[in-house]
Amino acid sequence: MKINFVVAPQLYTQWCWAAVSSSVSKYFDSASQWTQCQVASAELSLQCCSDGGPCNTWWYLDRALARTQNANGWFAGASDVQQTAGELGSGRPICIRVEWPDGGGHFLAVIGTYQDSAGTERLLLSDPIFGSSSYSRDDLVNGAYQNGHGRWTHTYLTRP
């Protein structure tokens, strides 16, 4: 199962949250006016569209999704197999946070799931830095994202 959703590349090094939230908004409403710089401007109370450099900072994905009116709750940890299938089956991307070994984080989206030939559940990911990829749920939960550098720590549910 896979939904037709892709996270746009982030425009600045710290804007994964802006890329994910604006992409979710445009997925649910193709006429959405929420660009990355508009989300950043609204969330940071700065003018980020003419020069985003001063706005290049980390931020909270739950707040950015609430700003675009696409937040449907969040929780610590990974969604389980049934919840993942339910969300994707209803056409809703699942946004996730991965934590890097240094304590920083990164946001991306789960856009599909399938079983490989060994019967392992694999998740299709769309990442504003690294693009499309596929990882087993266990690898994501246990810290193997991007060659062992990222661990799935939080789940963000979305809505139209």
Foldseek 3Di string as FASTA:
>chain_A
DFAPFAQAADPAPQQLLLSVLQRQLCQVPVPDPRHSQNLLCVVVVHRCPVPVVVSRDHDDNQVSNVVSPWFDDKDWDDDDPVVCCVQLVVVWWKKWWWAFPVGDIGIWTFGDWDADPVRFIKTWIHGNHPGIDIDGLVCQQVQCPPNRTIHTTMITTTDD
